[in-house]
Amino acid sequence: MTPDELRAALRGVPDPEWLATALDRVAAEPATIARLFPAAGRHCGRADLPDLPGWTADEAARALLLTALPAGHATQAETVYRTGDAAEKRAVLKALPLLPIGVAGVPLLHDAIRTNDTRLVAVALGPYARHLDPPAWRQAVLKCVFTGVPLAVVADLDDRADGELAQMLGALADERRAAGRDMPADAVALLDRLTTHHREV
């Protein structure tokens, strides 16, 4: 995902002039993002973007606003995350891979993963989750299984899944069986892949 792709997908927003002006304002006066970020849904709509599966117009507009921040002001992302509603938090999490912040956004991932909002948990495990250390990442994957978040949302799942995750999933599967409860099909499939791989190795 790139800012240019976001711009292209937002061509049909209800108020393109507002978005263009907002982007210029944020670039010139970074502090204005605190006011403009929440207003994006009102001006750009909240519809799904057909050219950008998994994104809504307000998410894409908010992500663009964050990318418009001048160098050195990307920490504004944390401010709008902390003060935002769930939709605004999701937009920040989706924007993180586009921002020049290195690992500075990791605390936001931890916050999102701790919540009971499965949509936040799902977005937190997107591409930026590569910055999560292995133990935190494994716990986040396990939380997906617990809460019913499809594992398809987890970026780089097969590349990062390892023997320790297999052990954790196996223990959870045993608990579920003992309680007469099923594991989600995608978790069973992942455990099968991991078990097969480690037998072959």
N, C-alpha and C. Protein backbone atom coordinates (compact mmCIF):
# COMPACT_ATOMS: atom_id res chain seq x y z
N MET A 1 0.83 -1.19 0.00
CA MET A 1 0.00 0.00 0.00
C MET A 1 0.87 1.25 0.00
N THR A 2 0.52 2.23 -0.84
CA THR A 2 1.27 3.47 -0.92
C THR A 2 0.31 4.66 -0.83
N PRO A 3 0.82 5.85 -0.49
CA PRO A 3 -0.05 7.04 -0.51
C PRO A 3 -0.70 7.27 -1.88
N ASP A 4 0.04 6.99 -2.95
CA ASP A 4 -0.54 7.19 -4.29
C ASP A 4 -1.73 6.27 -4.52
N GLU A 5 -1.65 5.04 -4.02
CA GLU A 5 -2.78 4.11 -4.15
C GLU A 5 -3.98 4.60 -3.34
N LEU A 6 -3.70 5.16 -2.17
CA LEU A 6 -4.79 5.71 -1.35
C LEU A 6 -5.45 6.88 -2.07
N ARG A 7 -4.63 7.76 -2.64
CA ARG A 7 -5.18 8.91 -3.37
C ARG A 7 -6.05 8.45 -4.53
N ALA A 8 -5.55 7.48 -5.28
CA ALA A 8 -6.30 6.99 -6.44
C ALA A 8 -7.64 6.40 -6.01
N ALA A 9 -7.64 5.65 -4.92
CA ALA A 9 -8.88 5.02 -4.45
C ALA A 9 -9.88 6.04 -3.93
N LEU A 10 -9.39 7.22 -3.55
CA LEU A 10 -10.27 8.26 -2.97
C LEU A 10 -10.75 9.26 -4.01
N ARG A 11 -10.55 8.97 -5.28
CA ARG A 11 -10.95 9.92 -6.32
C ARG A 11 -12.43 10.31 -6.25
N GLY A 12 -13.28 9.37 -5.83
CA GLY A 12 -14.71 9.65 -5.85
C GLY A 12 -15.30 10.10 -4.52
N VAL A 13 -14.47 10.61 -3.60
CA VAL A 13 -15.00 11.01 -2.29
C VAL A 13 -15.98 12.18 -2.46
N PRO A 14 -16.94 12.29 -1.53
CA PRO A 14 -17.96 13.34 -1.66
C PRO A 14 -17.39 14.76 -1.68
N ASP A 15 -16.30 15.00 -0.95
CA ASP A 15 -15.78 16.37 -0.82
C ASP A 15 -14.27 16.39 -1.07
N PRO A 16 -13.87 16.23 -2.35
CA PRO A 16 -12.43 16.15 -2.66
C PRO A 16 -11.68 17.44 -2.32
N GLU A 17 -12.36 18.57 -2.40
CA GLU A 17 -11.70 19.84 -2.08
C GLU A 17 -11.32 19.89 -0.60
N TRP A 18 -12.21 19.38 0.26
CA TRP A 18 -11.89 19.35 1.68
C TRP A 18 -10.63 18.53 1.92
N LEU A 19 -10.56 17.35 1.28
CA LEU A 19 -9.42 16.46 1.49
C LEU A 19 -8.13 17.13 1.01
N ALA A 20 -8.16 17.74 -0.17
CA ALA A 20 -6.96 18.40 -0.70
C ALA A 20 -6.49 19.52 0.23
N THR A 21 -7.46 20.30 0.70
CA THR A 21 -7.12 21.40 1.61
C THR A 21 -6.58 20.86 2.94
N ALA A 22 -7.21 19.81 3.45
CA ALA A 22 -6.78 19.22 4.72
C ALA A 22 -5.36 18.69 4.62
N LEU A 23 -5.02 18.07 3.51
CA LEU A 23 -3.67 17.54 3.34
C LEU A 23 -2.65 18.67 3.33
N ASP A 24 -2.99 19.78 2.65
CA ASP A 24 -2.08 20.93 2.62
C ASP A 24 -1.92 21.53 4.02
N ARG A 25 -3.02 21.63 4.74
CA ARG A 25 -2.98 22.22 6.09
C ARG A 25 -2.10 21.40 7.02
N VAL A 26 -2.28 20.07 6.97
CA VAL A 26 -1.49 19.20 7.85
C VAL A 26 0.00 19.29 7.52
N ALA A 27 0.31 19.39 6.24
CA ALA A 27 1.71 19.51 5.82
C ALA A 27 2.33 20.81 6.33
N ALA A 28 1.52 21.87 6.33
CA ALA A 28 2.04 23.18 6.74
C ALA A 28 1.94 23.40 8.25
N GLU A 29 0.87 22.88 8.85
CA GLU A 29 0.63 23.07 10.29
C GLU A 29 0.27 21.72 10.91
N PRO A 30 1.26 20.94 11.29
CA PRO A 30 1.01 19.56 11.77
C PRO A 30 -0.04 19.46 12.88
N ALA A 31 -0.11 20.45 13.75
CA ALA A 31 -1.05 20.37 14.88
C ALA A 31 -2.51 20.35 14.43
N THR A 32 -2.78 20.81 13.20
CA THR A 32 -4.17 20.84 12.74
C THR A 32 -4.73 19.43 12.52
N ILE A 33 -3.86 18.43 12.50
CA ILE A 33 -4.36 17.07 12.29
C ILE A 33 -5.32 16.65 13.41
N ALA A 34 -5.13 17.22 14.60
CA ALA A 34 -6.00 16.87 15.73
C ALA A 34 -7.46 17.21 15.43
N ARG A 35 -7.68 18.27 14.65
CA ARG A 35 -9.04 18.67 14.31
C ARG A 35 -9.52 18.02 13.02
N LEU A 36 -8.62 17.87 12.06
CA LEU A 36 -9.00 17.37 10.74
C LEU A 36 -9.19 15.86 10.72
N PHE A 37 -8.41 15.14 11.52
CA PHE A 37 -8.47 13.68 11.52
C PHE A 37 -9.88 13.16 11.84
N PRO A 38 -10.52 13.64 12.91
CA PRO A 38 -11.87 13.16 13.21
C PRO A 38 -12.90 13.56 12.16
N ALA A 39 -12.65 14.67 11.44
CA ALA A 39 -13.63 15.18 10.48
C ALA A 39 -13.62 14.41 9.16
N ALA A 40 -12.64 13.55 8.95
CA ALA A 40 -12.50 12.87 7.65
C ALA A 40 -13.73 12.04 7.29
N GLY A 41 -14.33 11.39 8.27
CA GLY A 41 -15.50 10.56 7.98
C GLY A 41 -16.67 11.38 7.48
N ARG A 42 -16.82 12.57 8.04
CA ARG A 42 -17.92 13.45 7.65
C ARG A 42 -17.76 13.93 6.21
N HIS A 43 -16.53 14.24 5.82
CA HIS A 43 -16.29 14.85 4.52
C HIS A 43 -15.99 13.84 3.41
N CYS A 44 -15.44 12.70 3.77
CA CYS A 44 -15.03 11.72 2.76
C CYS A 44 -15.94 10.50 2.72
N GLY A 45 -16.84 10.38 3.70
CA GLY A 45 -17.71 9.22 3.75
C GLY A 45 -17.04 8.04 4.42
N ARG A 46 -17.84 7.01 4.62
CA ARG A 46 -17.33 5.81 5.32
C ARG A 46 -17.55 4.55 4.48
N ALA A 47 -17.78 4.74 3.21
CA ALA A 47 -18.07 3.59 2.34
C ALA A 47 -16.82 2.77 2.07
N ASP A 48 -17.03 1.48 1.80
CA ASP A 48 -15.93 0.63 1.38
C ASP A 48 -15.38 1.13 0.05
N LEU A 49 -14.07 1.04 -0.13
CA LEU A 49 -13.45 1.48 -1.38
C LEU A 49 -13.27 0.28 -2.31
N PRO A 50 -13.97 0.27 -3.43
CA PRO A 50 -13.89 -0.90 -4.32
C PRO A 50 -12.48 -1.17 -4.86
N ASP A 51 -11.69 -0.10 -5.01
CA ASP A 51 -10.33 -0.29 -5.54
C ASP A 51 -9.31 -0.63 -4.46
N LEU A 52 -9.79 -0.65 -3.21
CA LEU A 52 -8.88 -0.87 -2.09
C LEU A 52 -9.56 -1.81 -1.10
N PRO A 53 -9.62 -3.10 -1.40
CA PRO A 53 -10.33 -4.03 -0.53
C PRO A 53 -9.82 -3.96 0.91
N GLY A 54 -10.77 -3.94 1.84
CA GLY A 54 -10.41 -3.89 3.25
C GLY A 54 -10.28 -2.49 3.80
N TRP A 55 -10.41 -1.48 2.95
CA TRP A 55 -10.31 -0.08 3.38
C TRP A 55 -11.64 0.62 3.17
N THR A 56 -11.95 1.55 4.07
CA THR A 56 -13.09 2.45 3.88
C THR A 56 -12.55 3.83 3.54
N ALA A 57 -13.42 4.69 3.02
CA ALA A 57 -12.98 6.02 2.58
C ALA A 57 -12.39 6.83 3.73
N ASP A 58 -13.04 6.77 4.90
CA ASP A 58 -12.52 7.55 6.03
C ASP A 58 -11.15 7.03 6.50
N GLU A 59 -10.96 5.71 6.46
CA GLU A 59 -9.66 5.15 6.85
C GLU A 59 -8.56 5.61 5.89
N ALA A 60 -8.86 5.55 4.60
CA ALA A 60 -7.86 5.94 3.61
C ALA A 60 -7.54 7.43 3.72
N ALA A 61 -8.56 8.27 3.92
CA ALA A 61 -8.34 9.71 4.05
C ALA A 61 -7.50 10.01 5.29
N ARG A 62 -7.80 9.33 6.38
CA ARG A 62 -7.05 9.56 7.62
C ARG A 62 -5.60 9.08 7.47
N ALA A 63 -5.42 7.96 6.81
CA ALA A 63 -4.05 7.48 6.57
C ALA A 63 -3.28 8.49 5.73
N LEU A 64 -3.93 9.06 4.72
CA LEU A 64 -3.27 10.07 3.90
C LEU A 64 -2.89 11.30 4.72
N LEU A 65 -3.78 11.71 5.62
CA LEU A 65 -3.47 12.85 6.48
C LEU A 65 -2.20 12.58 7.29
N LEU A 66 -2.08 11.37 7.79
CA LEU A 66 -0.88 11.02 8.57
C LEU A 66 0.38 11.03 7.69
N THR A 67 0.25 10.57 6.45
CA THR A 67 1.42 10.57 5.57
C THR A 67 1.79 11.98 5.14
N ALA A 68 0.87 12.92 5.25
CA ALA A 68 1.15 14.31 4.87
C ALA A 68 1.95 15.05 5.94
N LEU A 69 2.04 14.50 7.13
CA LEU A 69 2.79 15.16 8.20
C LEU A 69 4.26 15.32 7.80
N PRO A 70 4.85 16.47 8.11
CA PRO A 70 6.27 16.65 7.79
C PRO A 70 7.15 15.70 8.63
N ALA A 71 8.35 15.47 8.14
CA ALA A 71 9.30 14.63 8.89
C ALA A 71 9.47 15.19 10.29
N GLY A 72 9.51 14.29 11.26
CA GLY A 72 9.67 14.72 12.64
C GLY A 72 8.36 14.92 13.38
N HIS A 73 7.26 14.85 12.64
CA HIS A 73 5.95 15.04 13.28
C HIS A 73 5.10 13.77 13.24
N ALA A 74 5.69 12.66 12.80
CA ALA A 74 4.92 11.42 12.67
C ALA A 74 4.41 10.93 14.01
N THR A 75 5.00 11.41 15.11
CA THR A 75 4.51 10.99 16.43
C THR A 75 3.09 11.50 16.69
N GLN A 76 2.61 12.41 15.85
CA GLN A 76 1.21 12.84 15.95
C GLN A 76 0.28 11.63 15.80
N ALA A 77 0.78 10.58 15.15
CA ALA A 77 -0.04 9.38 14.98
C ALA A 77 -0.47 8.83 16.33
N GLU A 78 0.44 8.84 17.30
CA GLU A 78 0.08 8.33 18.62
C GLU A 78 -0.98 9.21 19.28
N THR A 79 -0.85 10.52 19.09
CA THR A 79 -1.82 11.43 19.70
C THR A 79 -3.23 11.19 19.16
N VAL A 80 -3.36 11.09 17.83
CA VAL A 80 -4.71 10.90 17.28
C VAL A 80 -5.24 9.50 17.58
N TYR A 81 -4.32 8.53 17.75
CA TYR A 81 -4.76 7.19 18.16
C TYR A 81 -5.32 7.24 19.57
N ARG A 82 -4.57 7.82 20.49
CA ARG A 82 -4.97 7.83 21.90
C ARG A 82 -6.28 8.57 22.12
N THR A 83 -6.53 9.62 21.33
CA THR A 83 -7.74 10.44 21.53
C THR A 83 -8.89 10.02 20.62
N GLY A 84 -8.63 9.10 19.70
CA GLY A 84 -9.64 8.77 18.69
C GLY A 84 -10.62 7.70 19.11
N ASP A 85 -11.72 7.61 18.35
CA ASP A 85 -12.67 6.52 18.55
C ASP A 85 -12.15 5.28 17.84
N ALA A 86 -12.92 4.21 17.84
CA ALA A 86 -12.43 2.94 17.28
C ALA A 86 -12.08 3.07 15.80
N ALA A 87 -12.91 3.79 15.04
CA ALA A 87 -12.64 3.95 13.60
C ALA A 87 -11.35 4.72 13.37
N GLU A 88 -11.12 5.74 14.18
CA GLU A 88 -9.90 6.53 14.05
C GLU A 88 -8.68 5.70 14.45
N LYS A 89 -8.81 4.88 15.48
CA LYS A 89 -7.71 4.01 15.89
C LYS A 89 -7.36 3.03 14.77
N ARG A 90 -8.39 2.46 14.12
CA ARG A 90 -8.12 1.51 13.03
C ARG A 90 -7.36 2.20 11.90
N ALA A 91 -7.73 3.44 11.60
CA ALA A 91 -7.05 4.17 10.53
C ALA A 91 -5.58 4.39 10.86
N VAL A 92 -5.30 4.73 12.10
CA VAL A 92 -3.89 4.92 12.51
C VAL A 92 -3.12 3.62 12.35
N LEU A 93 -3.70 2.52 12.82
CA LEU A 93 -3.01 1.23 12.74
C LEU A 93 -2.74 0.84 11.29
N LYS A 94 -3.71 1.11 10.41
CA LYS A 94 -3.52 0.78 9.00
C LYS A 94 -2.44 1.66 8.36
N ALA A 95 -2.30 2.88 8.88
CA ALA A 95 -1.34 3.82 8.30
C ALA A 95 0.10 3.56 8.76
N LEU A 96 0.29 2.86 9.86
CA LEU A 96 1.62 2.72 10.45
C LEU A 96 2.69 2.25 9.45
N PRO A 97 2.40 1.27 8.56
CA PRO A 97 3.46 0.84 7.64
C PRO A 97 3.89 1.95 6.66
N LEU A 98 3.07 2.99 6.52
CA LEU A 98 3.37 4.06 5.57
C LEU A 98 4.17 5.20 6.21
N LEU A 99 4.35 5.16 7.52
CA LEU A 99 4.94 6.28 8.24
C LEU A 99 6.41 6.03 8.58
N PRO A 100 7.24 7.08 8.54
CA PRO A 100 8.67 6.93 8.83
C PRO A 100 8.94 6.94 10.34
N ILE A 101 8.41 5.95 11.03
CA ILE A 101 8.50 5.96 12.49
C ILE A 101 9.25 4.75 13.06
N GLY A 102 9.76 3.88 12.19
CA GLY A 102 10.46 2.71 12.70
C GLY A 102 9.58 1.90 13.63
N VAL A 103 10.08 1.62 14.83
CA VAL A 103 9.33 0.80 15.79
C VAL A 103 8.51 1.64 16.76
N ALA A 104 8.46 2.96 16.54
CA ALA A 104 7.78 3.84 17.51
C ALA A 104 6.29 3.56 17.64
N GLY A 105 5.71 2.90 16.63
CA GLY A 105 4.27 2.61 16.70
C GLY A 105 3.93 1.31 17.40
N VAL A 106 4.94 0.56 17.84
CA VAL A 106 4.68 -0.75 18.47
C VAL A 106 3.79 -0.63 19.71
N PRO A 107 3.96 0.39 20.57
CA PRO A 107 3.04 0.50 21.72
C PRO A 107 1.57 0.60 21.32
N LEU A 108 1.30 1.16 20.15
CA LEU A 108 -0.09 1.23 19.68
C LEU A 108 -0.61 -0.17 19.34
N LEU A 109 0.26 -1.01 18.78
CA LEU A 109 -0.13 -2.39 18.51
C LEU A 109 -0.46 -3.11 19.81
N HIS A 110 0.40 -2.94 20.81
CA HIS A 110 0.15 -3.59 22.09
C HIS A 110 -1.18 -3.15 22.67
N ASP A 111 -1.47 -1.86 22.57
CA ASP A 111 -2.73 -1.34 23.09
C ASP A 111 -3.91 -1.96 22.35
N ALA A 112 -3.83 -2.01 21.03
CA ALA A 112 -4.94 -2.55 20.24
C ALA A 112 -5.16 -4.03 20.54
N ILE A 113 -4.08 -4.78 20.69
CA ILE A 113 -4.18 -6.22 20.93
C ILE A 113 -4.77 -6.50 22.31
N ARG A 114 -4.57 -5.58 23.25
CA ARG A 114 -5.13 -5.77 24.59
C ARG A 114 -6.64 -5.53 24.64
N THR A 115 -7.18 -4.86 23.66
CA THR A 115 -8.60 -4.51 23.70
C THR A 115 -9.48 -5.73 23.43
N ASN A 116 -10.77 -5.54 23.64
CA ASN A 116 -11.74 -6.58 23.29
C ASN A 116 -12.39 -6.31 21.94
N ASP A 117 -11.90 -5.29 21.23
CA ASP A 117 -12.43 -4.93 19.91
C ASP A 117 -11.72 -5.79 18.86
N THR A 118 -12.41 -6.79 18.34
CA THR A 118 -11.76 -7.72 17.42
C THR A 118 -11.32 -7.03 16.13
N ARG A 119 -11.99 -5.94 15.75
CA ARG A 119 -11.56 -5.23 14.53
C ARG A 119 -10.21 -4.55 14.76
N LEU A 120 -9.99 -4.04 15.97
CA LEU A 120 -8.68 -3.45 16.28
C LEU A 120 -7.59 -4.52 16.33
N VAL A 121 -7.92 -5.65 16.94
CA VAL A 121 -6.95 -6.75 17.01
C VAL A 121 -6.56 -7.18 15.60
N ALA A 122 -7.55 -7.32 14.73
CA ALA A 122 -7.29 -7.76 13.35
C ALA A 122 -6.37 -6.79 12.62
N VAL A 123 -6.65 -5.49 12.73
CA VAL A 123 -5.83 -4.49 12.03
C VAL A 123 -4.42 -4.42 12.61
N ALA A 124 -4.31 -4.64 13.92
CA ALA A 124 -2.99 -4.59 14.57
C ALA A 124 -2.06 -5.68 14.05
N LEU A 125 -2.60 -6.73 13.47
CA LEU A 125 -1.77 -7.83 12.98
C LEU A 125 -1.50 -7.75 11.48
N GLY A 126 -1.68 -6.54 10.94
CA GLY A 126 -1.33 -6.28 9.54
C GLY A 126 0.17 -6.18 9.35
N PRO A 127 0.61 -5.58 8.23
CA PRO A 127 2.05 -5.57 7.88
C PRO A 127 2.97 -4.97 8.94
N TYR A 128 2.50 -3.97 9.69
CA TYR A 128 3.37 -3.32 10.68
C TYR A 128 3.69 -4.26 11.85
N ALA A 129 2.91 -5.32 12.00
CA ALA A 129 3.15 -6.27 13.10
C ALA A 129 4.48 -6.99 12.97
N ARG A 130 5.18 -6.80 11.84
CA ARG A 130 6.53 -7.37 11.72
C ARG A 130 7.45 -6.84 12.81
N HIS A 131 7.08 -5.67 13.39
CA HIS A 131 7.91 -5.08 14.45
C HIS A 131 7.62 -5.68 15.83
N LEU A 132 6.58 -6.50 15.96
CA LEU A 132 6.31 -7.16 17.24
C LEU A 132 7.37 -8.23 17.48
N ASP A 133 7.86 -8.32 18.72
CA ASP A 133 8.81 -9.39 18.99
C ASP A 133 8.07 -10.73 18.98
N PRO A 134 8.80 -11.84 18.78
CA PRO A 134 8.14 -13.14 18.61
C PRO A 134 7.16 -13.51 19.73
N PRO A 135 7.52 -13.34 21.02
CA PRO A 135 6.55 -13.72 22.06
C PRO A 135 5.24 -12.92 21.98
N ALA A 136 5.36 -11.60 21.75
CA ALA A 136 4.15 -10.77 21.66
C ALA A 136 3.33 -11.15 20.44
N TRP A 137 4.02 -11.44 19.34
CA TRP A 137 3.32 -11.82 18.11
C TRP A 137 2.57 -13.14 18.31
N ARG A 138 3.22 -14.12 18.94
CA ARG A 138 2.55 -15.41 19.16
C ARG A 138 1.31 -15.23 20.04
N GLN A 139 1.43 -14.43 21.09
CA GLN A 139 0.28 -14.19 21.97
C GLN A 139 -0.86 -13.52 21.19
N ALA A 140 -0.49 -12.63 20.28
CA ALA A 140 -1.52 -11.95 19.48
C ALA A 140 -2.24 -12.93 18.56
N VAL A 141 -1.47 -13.85 17.97
CA VAL A 141 -2.10 -14.87 17.11
C VAL A 141 -3.04 -15.74 17.93
N LEU A 142 -2.59 -16.10 19.12
CA LEU A 142 -3.43 -16.91 20.00
C LEU A 142 -4.71 -16.15 20.37
N LYS A 143 -4.58 -14.84 20.57
CA LYS A 143 -5.78 -14.05 20.89
C LYS A 143 -6.75 -14.09 19.72
N CYS A 144 -6.24 -14.07 18.50
CA CYS A 144 -7.11 -14.19 17.34
C CYS A 144 -7.93 -15.49 17.40
N VAL A 145 -7.25 -16.56 17.75
CA VAL A 145 -7.93 -17.85 17.84
C VAL A 145 -9.00 -17.81 18.94
N PHE A 146 -8.65 -17.24 20.08
CA PHE A 146 -9.59 -17.14 21.21
C PHE A 146 -10.83 -16.33 20.85
N THR A 147 -10.60 -15.23 20.13
CA THR A 147 -11.69 -14.28 19.91
C THR A 147 -12.39 -14.44 18.57
N GLY A 148 -11.93 -15.40 17.77
CA GLY A 148 -12.61 -15.66 16.50
C GLY A 148 -12.18 -14.74 15.36
N VAL A 149 -11.06 -14.05 15.51
CA VAL A 149 -10.53 -13.24 14.41
C VAL A 149 -9.91 -14.18 13.38
N PRO A 150 -10.32 -14.11 12.12
CA PRO A 150 -9.77 -15.03 11.11
C PRO A 150 -8.26 -14.88 10.98
N LEU A 151 -7.54 -15.97 10.94
CA LEU A 151 -6.08 -15.90 10.85
C LEU A 151 -5.61 -15.37 9.50
N ALA A 152 -6.52 -15.29 8.54
CA ALA A 152 -6.16 -14.72 7.24
C ALA A 152 -5.72 -13.26 7.35
N VAL A 153 -6.11 -12.58 8.43
CA VAL A 153 -5.73 -11.16 8.58
C VAL A 153 -4.30 -11.01 9.08
N VAL A 154 -3.68 -12.07 9.56
CA VAL A 154 -2.35 -11.99 10.15
C VAL A 154 -1.30 -11.96 9.04
N ALA A 155 -0.61 -10.83 8.93
CA ALA A 155 0.42 -10.71 7.90
C ALA A 155 1.58 -11.66 8.19
N ASP A 156 2.10 -12.27 7.14
CA ASP A 156 3.29 -13.15 7.25
C ASP A 156 3.09 -14.31 8.21
N LEU A 157 1.86 -14.79 8.31
CA LEU A 157 1.56 -15.85 9.28
C LEU A 157 2.43 -17.08 9.08
N ASP A 158 2.46 -17.61 7.87
CA ASP A 158 3.21 -18.85 7.65
C ASP A 158 4.72 -18.64 7.78
N ASP A 159 5.19 -17.42 7.47
CA ASP A 159 6.63 -17.15 7.59
C ASP A 159 7.06 -17.05 9.06
N ARG A 160 6.18 -16.52 9.91
CA ARG A 160 6.58 -16.29 11.30
C ARG A 160 6.16 -17.42 12.25
N ALA A 161 5.17 -18.18 11.87
CA ALA A 161 4.72 -19.26 12.75
C ALA A 161 5.85 -20.25 12.97
N ASP A 162 6.01 -20.69 14.23
CA ASP A 162 7.14 -21.54 14.56
C ASP A 162 6.72 -22.66 15.52
N GLY A 163 7.71 -23.40 15.97
CA GLY A 163 7.43 -24.52 16.87
C GLY A 163 6.78 -24.09 18.17
N GLU A 164 7.17 -22.93 18.68
CA GLU A 164 6.57 -22.47 19.94
C GLU A 164 5.08 -22.15 19.76
N LEU A 165 4.76 -21.54 18.62
CA LEU A 165 3.35 -21.27 18.34
C LEU A 165 2.59 -22.58 18.20
N ALA A 166 3.22 -23.56 17.57
CA ALA A 166 2.59 -24.87 17.42
C ALA A 166 2.28 -25.49 18.79
N GLN A 167 3.22 -25.36 19.72
CA GLN A 167 3.00 -25.90 21.07
C GLN A 167 1.83 -25.18 21.75
N MET A 168 1.78 -23.86 21.59
CA MET A 168 0.70 -23.08 22.21
C MET A 168 -0.66 -23.46 21.61
N LEU A 169 -0.68 -23.61 20.29
CA LEU A 169 -1.93 -24.00 19.64
C LEU A 169 -2.33 -25.42 20.04
N GLY A 170 -1.34 -26.29 20.15
CA GLY A 170 -1.63 -27.67 20.55
C GLY A 170 -2.21 -27.73 21.95
N ALA A 171 -1.66 -26.93 22.87
CA ALA A 171 -2.17 -26.90 24.25
C ALA A 171 -3.60 -26.36 24.27
N LEU A 172 -3.85 -25.34 23.44
CA LEU A 172 -5.21 -24.78 23.38
C LEU A 172 -6.18 -25.80 22.80
N ALA A 173 -5.73 -26.52 21.78
CA ALA A 173 -6.59 -27.55 21.17
C ALA A 173 -6.95 -28.63 22.19
N ASP A 174 -5.97 -29.01 23.02
CA ASP A 174 -6.22 -30.02 24.06
C ASP A 174 -7.26 -29.50 25.06
N GLU A 175 -7.11 -28.24 25.46
CA GLU A 175 -8.07 -27.64 26.40
C GLU A 175 -9.47 -27.61 25.81
N ARG A 176 -9.53 -27.22 24.54
CA ARG A 176 -10.85 -27.14 23.88
C ARG A 176 -11.50 -28.52 23.79
N ARG A 177 -10.68 -29.50 23.43
CA ARG A 177 -11.23 -30.87 23.33
C ARG A 177 -11.76 -31.33 24.67
N ALA A 178 -10.99 -31.08 25.72
CA ALA A 178 -11.40 -31.50 27.07
C ALA A 178 -12.69 -30.83 27.50
N ALA A 179 -12.92 -29.63 26.98
CA ALA A 179 -14.13 -28.89 27.34
C ALA A 179 -15.27 -29.15 26.34
N GLY A 180 -15.01 -30.03 25.37
CA GLY A 180 -16.04 -30.33 24.37
C GLY A 180 -16.26 -29.21 23.38
N ARG A 181 -15.22 -28.41 23.16
CA ARG A 181 -15.34 -27.29 22.23
C ARG A 181 -14.36 -27.47 21.07
N ASP A 182 -14.76 -26.98 19.90
CA ASP A 182 -13.92 -27.11 18.71
C ASP A 182 -12.95 -25.94 18.58
N MET A 183 -11.85 -26.19 17.90
CA MET A 183 -10.93 -25.13 17.49
C MET A 183 -11.43 -24.57 16.17
N PRO A 184 -11.21 -23.28 15.90
CA PRO A 184 -11.54 -22.73 14.59
C PRO A 184 -10.80 -23.48 13.48
N ALA A 185 -11.44 -23.64 12.34
CA ALA A 185 -10.86 -24.44 11.25
C ALA A 185 -9.51 -23.88 10.80
N ASP A 186 -9.37 -22.54 10.76
CA ASP A 186 -8.10 -21.99 10.29
C ASP A 186 -6.97 -22.25 11.29
N ALA A 187 -7.30 -22.32 12.58
CA ALA A 187 -6.28 -22.63 13.59
C ALA A 187 -5.86 -24.10 13.48
N VAL A 188 -6.83 -24.98 13.23
CA VAL A 188 -6.53 -26.40 13.05
C VAL A 188 -5.62 -26.58 11.83
N ALA A 189 -5.95 -25.86 10.75
CA ALA A 189 -5.15 -25.97 9.53
C ALA A 189 -3.72 -25.46 9.77
N LEU A 190 -3.59 -24.37 10.52
CA LEU A 190 -2.24 -23.85 10.82
C LEU A 190 -1.47 -24.84 11.68
N LEU A 191 -2.12 -25.40 12.68
CA LEU A 191 -1.45 -26.37 13.54
C LEU A 191 -1.01 -27.59 12.73
N ASP A 192 -1.85 -28.05 11.81
CA ASP A 192 -1.49 -29.18 10.95
C ASP A 192 -0.26 -28.85 10.11
N ARG A 193 -0.24 -27.62 9.55
CA ARG A 193 0.91 -27.22 8.71
C ARG A 193 2.19 -27.18 9.55
N LEU A 194 2.08 -26.61 10.74
CA LEU A 194 3.26 -26.49 11.59
C LEU A 194 3.75 -27.86 12.05
N THR A 195 2.81 -28.72 12.41
CA THR A 195 3.18 -30.06 12.88
C THR A 195 3.84 -30.86 11.76
N THR A 196 3.29 -30.78 10.57
CA THR A 196 3.86 -31.49 9.42
C THR A 196 5.25 -30.97 9.12
N HIS A 197 5.39 -29.62 9.13
CA HIS A 197 6.68 -29.01 8.83
C HIS A 197 7.75 -29.46 9.82
N HIS A 198 7.43 -29.44 11.10
CA HIS A 198 8.43 -29.79 12.10
C HIS A 198 8.73 -31.28 12.11
N ARG A 199 7.76 -32.11 11.69
CA ARG A 199 8.07 -33.54 11.55
C ARG A 199 9.06 -33.75 10.41
N GLU A 200 8.86 -32.98 9.30
CA GLU A 200 9.73 -33.13 8.13
C GLU A 200 11.14 -32.62 8.44
N VAL A 201 11.21 -31.53 9.25
CA VAL A 201 12.50 -30.97 9.60
C VAL A 201 13.23 -31.89 10.58
